[in-house]
Amino acid sequence: MEKLASMRDAPRCGTHREKLSELYCETCINLPICMACMLDEHKGRNLHEAKALAKLKKEELSQKLKAIEEMKKSSKVITPVQAKQTLTLNVSIEKERVVKMHDEKDQKIMKKIQDTENRKQQLKREKENSEKIIFDSLQTEMENEIQEVKKNYERIFKAKKIELANTLQARQSSLEKELAELWEKRKPLGEDKKKYWNQ
């Protein structure tokens, strides 16, 4: 702190060491320069007053030194054995934390795998149930169509049977009528129908 307090406000020029720096070049990363440098190689660059920079840096260093002094006063002296024990304990704690973290990640991965497998089995069951429902529906539909075809066939067959019976009956009646007429035309004298047809 005493050395910091004894620092001059204006440092020496970075190029001309015999001259005090009244300015600093921000373009050259706060390089201290004199008036000659300002008119020469640093002409047209971003220049600022050196006293302002020195004051700012002094304040920053002063705060840092105060913080260091306070840390020294508040800190306890630790022996190498204690430092080793502390380090070993910290390593052990960190090891447990890392192991626990990896175990938790492993559990999450295993749970995700199990969830995926469960979802896969569920989808499989849903697919099987869906296919069974579709199959049962088609089977029922086909059975209904078969029954309908049978009913139609029986109805048509019954109608054809009745139609055929009526046709046969009508044909029989027609034949009997034709035979009667034929008999009347060809009946021999003295013989009846029965005797004639039994010959």
Protein backbone atom coordinates (compact mmCIF):
# COMPACT_ATOMS: atom_id res chain seq x y z
CA MET A 1 0.00 0.00 0.00
CA GLU A 2 2.89 2.37 0.78
CA LYS A 3 4.49 1.71 -2.63
CA LEU A 4 1.13 2.31 -4.27
CA ALA A 5 0.75 5.63 -2.46
CA SER A 6 4.23 6.76 -3.59
CA MET A 7 3.50 6.21 -7.31
CA ARG A 8 3.70 9.30 -9.50
CA ASP A 9 0.60 10.53 -11.24
CA ALA A 10 2.35 10.70 -14.63
CA PRO A 11 4.63 7.79 -15.66
CA ARG A 12 7.54 7.97 -18.15
CA CYS A 13 7.02 7.91 -21.93
CA GLY A 14 7.22 4.42 -23.42
CA THR A 15 9.51 5.62 -26.24
CA HIS A 16 11.30 8.62 -24.72
CA ARG A 17 12.18 7.47 -21.18
CA GLU A 18 13.59 10.85 -20.19
CA LYS A 19 10.22 12.54 -20.70
CA LEU A 20 7.13 12.31 -18.54
CA SER A 21 4.01 10.91 -20.09
CA GLU A 22 1.15 13.35 -20.22
CA LEU A 23 -1.03 11.18 -22.43
CA TYR A 24 -1.71 7.53 -23.14
CA CYS A 25 -2.67 5.91 -26.44
CA GLU A 26 -5.81 3.78 -26.15
CA THR A 27 -5.18 2.39 -29.67
CA CYS A 28 -1.87 0.92 -28.43
CA ILE A 29 -3.51 -0.65 -25.36
CA ASN A 30 -3.00 2.34 -23.01
CA LEU A 31 0.64 2.94 -23.90
CA PRO A 32 2.10 6.06 -22.08
CA ILE A 33 3.38 8.68 -24.57
CA CYS A 34 4.82 12.21 -24.50
CA MET A 35 3.93 15.27 -26.55
CA ALA A 36 6.56 14.39 -29.17
CA CYS A 37 4.96 10.96 -29.73
CA MET A 38 1.56 12.61 -30.04
CA LEU A 39 2.81 14.71 -32.96
CA ASP A 40 4.72 11.81 -34.55
CA GLU A 41 3.83 8.09 -34.67
CA HIS A 42 0.66 8.40 -32.53
CA LYS A 43 -0.78 11.29 -34.47
CA GLY A 44 -4.54 10.88 -35.17
CA ARG A 45 -5.00 7.97 -32.75
CA ASN A 46 -7.32 7.72 -29.77
CA LEU A 47 -5.41 9.59 -27.01
CA HIS A 48 -6.36 10.37 -23.38
CA GLU A 49 -4.83 12.21 -20.42
CA ALA A 50 -2.32 10.09 -18.48
CA LYS A 51 -3.26 11.44 -15.04
CA ALA A 52 -6.84 10.17 -15.42
CA LEU A 53 -5.62 6.68 -16.35
CA ALA A 54 -3.07 6.64 -13.51
CA LYS A 55 -5.72 7.66 -11.01
CA LEU A 56 -8.11 4.96 -12.26
CA LYS A 57 -5.45 2.22 -12.14
CA LYS A 58 -4.35 3.35 -8.66
CA GLU A 59 -7.91 3.02 -7.38
CA GLU A 60 -8.27 -0.45 -8.92
CA LEU A 61 -4.99 -1.66 -7.43
CA SER A 62 -5.86 -0.15 -4.07
CA GLN A 63 -9.13 -2.09 -3.96
CA LYS A 64 -7.38 -5.33 -4.93
CA LEU A 65 -4.69 -4.86 -2.27
CA LYS A 66 -7.31 -4.16 0.39
CA ALA A 67 -9.14 -7.34 -0.57
CA ILE A 68 -5.90 -9.34 -0.35
CA GLU A 69 -5.04 -7.86 3.08
CA GLU A 70 -8.51 -8.71 4.38
CA MET A 71 -8.21 -12.26 3.09
CA LYS A 72 -4.83 -12.64 4.84
CA LYS A 73 -6.27 -11.40 8.13
CA SER A 74 -9.36 -13.62 8.01
CA SER A 75 -7.66 -16.78 6.72
CA LYS A 76 -6.35 -19.45 9.12
CA VAL A 77 -2.97 -21.16 8.78
CA ILE A 78 -3.43 -24.71 7.39
CA THR A 79 -0.76 -27.36 7.84
CA PRO A 80 0.22 -29.67 4.93
CA VAL A 81 -1.46 -32.59 6.71
CA GLN A 82 -4.68 -30.64 7.06
CA ALA A 83 -4.44 -29.52 3.44
CA LYS A 84 -3.97 -33.16 2.36
CA GLN A 85 -6.90 -34.29 4.49
CA THR A 86 -9.08 -31.53 3.10
CA LEU A 87 -8.04 -32.41 -0.45
CA THR A 88 -8.72 -36.11 0.15
CA LEU A 89 -12.14 -35.31 1.59
CA ASN A 90 -12.98 -33.04 -1.32
CA VAL A 91 -11.85 -35.71 -3.79
CA SER A 92 -13.96 -38.32 -1.99
CA ILE A 93 -17.01 -36.05 -2.01
CA GLU A 94 -16.51 -35.24 -5.69
CA LYS A 95 -16.06 -38.95 -6.47
CA GLU A 96 -19.33 -39.79 -4.70
CA ARG A 97 -21.09 -36.98 -6.54
CA VAL A 98 -19.80 -38.19 -9.93
CA VAL A 99 -20.71 -41.83 -9.15
CA LYS A 100 -24.18 -40.77 -8.01
CA MET A 101 -24.62 -38.65 -11.11
CA HIS A 102 -23.63 -41.58 -13.37
CA ASP A 103 -25.93 -43.93 -11.44
CA GLU A 104 -28.83 -41.53 -11.90
CA LYS A 105 -28.06 -41.29 -15.62
CA ASP A 106 -27.89 -45.10 -15.87
CA GLN A 107 -31.24 -45.38 -14.10
CA LYS A 108 -32.77 -42.83 -16.45
CA ILE A 109 -31.39 -44.70 -19.47
CA MET A 110 -32.67 -48.06 -18.17
CA LYS A 111 -36.07 -46.53 -17.41
CA LYS A 112 -36.21 -45.08 -20.91
CA ILE A 113 -35.30 -48.48 -22.40
CA GLN A 114 -37.98 -50.18 -20.27
CA ASP A 115 -40.56 -47.55 -21.21
CA THR A 116 -39.72 -48.05 -24.88
CA GLU A 117 -40.07 -51.83 -24.54
CA ASN A 118 -43.39 -51.44 -22.72
CA ARG A 119 -44.66 -49.09 -25.40
CA LYS A 120 -43.52 -51.56 -28.06
CA GLN A 121 -45.42 -54.42 -26.37
CA GLN A 122 -48.47 -52.19 -25.97
CA LEU A 123 -48.43 -51.28 -29.66
CA LYS A 124 -48.05 -54.97 -30.52
CA ARG A 125 -51.08 -55.88 -28.39
CA GLU A 126 -53.09 -53.02 -29.87
CA LYS A 127 -52.17 -54.20 -33.36
CA GLU A 128 -53.17 -57.79 -32.55
CA ASN A 129 -56.46 -56.64 -31.02
CA SER A 130 -57.12 -54.40 -34.00
CA GLU A 131 -56.39 -57.24 -36.44
CA LYS A 132 -58.65 -59.59 -34.42
CA ILE A 133 -61.45 -57.04 -34.44
CA ILE A 134 -61.07 -56.60 -38.20
CA PHE A 135 -60.96 -60.38 -38.73
CA ASP A 136 -64.03 -60.95 -36.55
CA SER A 137 -65.86 -58.17 -38.35
CA LEU A 138 -65.02 -59.63 -41.76
CA GLN A 139 -65.96 -63.13 -40.61
CA THR A 140 -69.32 -61.87 -39.30
CA GLU A 141 -69.90 -59.95 -42.52
CA MET A 142 -69.11 -63.02 -44.63
CA GLU A 143 -71.36 -65.23 -42.51
CA ASN A 144 -74.18 -62.72 -42.89
CA GLU A 145 -73.66 -62.65 -46.66
CA ILE A 146 -73.69 -66.47 -46.77
CA GLN A 147 -76.93 -66.57 -44.81
CA GLU A 148 -78.44 -63.98 -47.11
CA VAL A 149 -77.38 -65.99 -50.16
CA LYS A 150 -78.91 -69.14 -48.66
CA LYS A 151 -82.15 -67.29 -47.93
CA ASN A 152 -82.27 -65.92 -51.48
CA TYR A 153 -81.53 -69.37 -52.90
CA GLU A 154 -84.24 -71.01 -50.79
CA ARG A 155 -86.72 -68.29 -51.75
CA ILE A 156 -85.85 -68.60 -55.44
CA PHE A 157 -85.90 -72.41 -55.25
CA LYS A 158 -89.28 -72.38 -53.52
CA ALA A 159 -90.65 -69.95 -56.09
CA LYS A 160 -89.27 -72.08 -58.97
CA LYS A 161 -90.64 -75.23 -57.33
CA ILE A 162 -94.11 -73.70 -57.10
CA GLU A 163 -93.81 -72.39 -60.64
CA LEU A 164 -92.68 -75.82 -61.88
CA ALA A 165 -95.53 -77.56 -60.01
CA ASN A 166 -98.06 -75.16 -61.50
CA THR A 167 -96.54 -75.66 -64.95
CA LEU A 168 -96.63 -79.45 -64.59
CA GLN A 169 -100.17 -79.35 -63.29
CA ALA A 170 -101.20 -77.12 -66.16
CA ARG A 171 -99.41 -79.40 -68.61
CA GLN A 172 -101.08 -82.45 -67.10
CA SER A 173 -104.47 -80.82 -67.40
CA SER A 174 -103.71 -79.90 -70.99
CA LEU A 175 -102.61 -83.43 -71.83
CA GLU A 176 -105.68 -84.93 -70.19
CA LYS A 177 -107.83 -82.57 -72.21
CA GLU A 178 -106.00 -83.45 -75.43
CA LEU A 179 -106.33 -87.17 -74.67
CA ALA A 180 -110.01 -86.79 -73.99
CA GLU A 181 -110.48 -85.00 -77.28
CA LEU A 182 -108.39 -87.63 -79.07
CA TRP A 183 -110.45 -90.37 -77.48
CA GLU A 184 -113.66 -88.85 -78.63
CA LYS A 185 -112.33 -88.78 -82.17
CA ARG A 186 -110.89 -92.30 -82.26
CA LYS A 187 -113.23 -94.22 -79.92
CA PRO A 188 -114.11 -97.65 -81.45
CA LEU A 189 -117.72 -98.76 -81.41
CA GLY A 190 -118.80 -100.98 -78.57
CA GLU A 191 -115.65 -100.36 -76.48
CA ASP A 192 -115.15 -98.01 -73.62
CA LYS A 193 -112.08 -95.91 -72.92
CA LYS A 194 -110.62 -98.25 -70.35
CA LYS A 195 -110.68 -101.27 -72.60
CA TYR A 196 -109.26 -99.27 -75.48
CA TRP A 197 -106.31 -97.90 -73.59
CA ASN A 198 -105.51 -101.20 -71.90
CA GLN A 199 -104.75 -102.87 -75.21
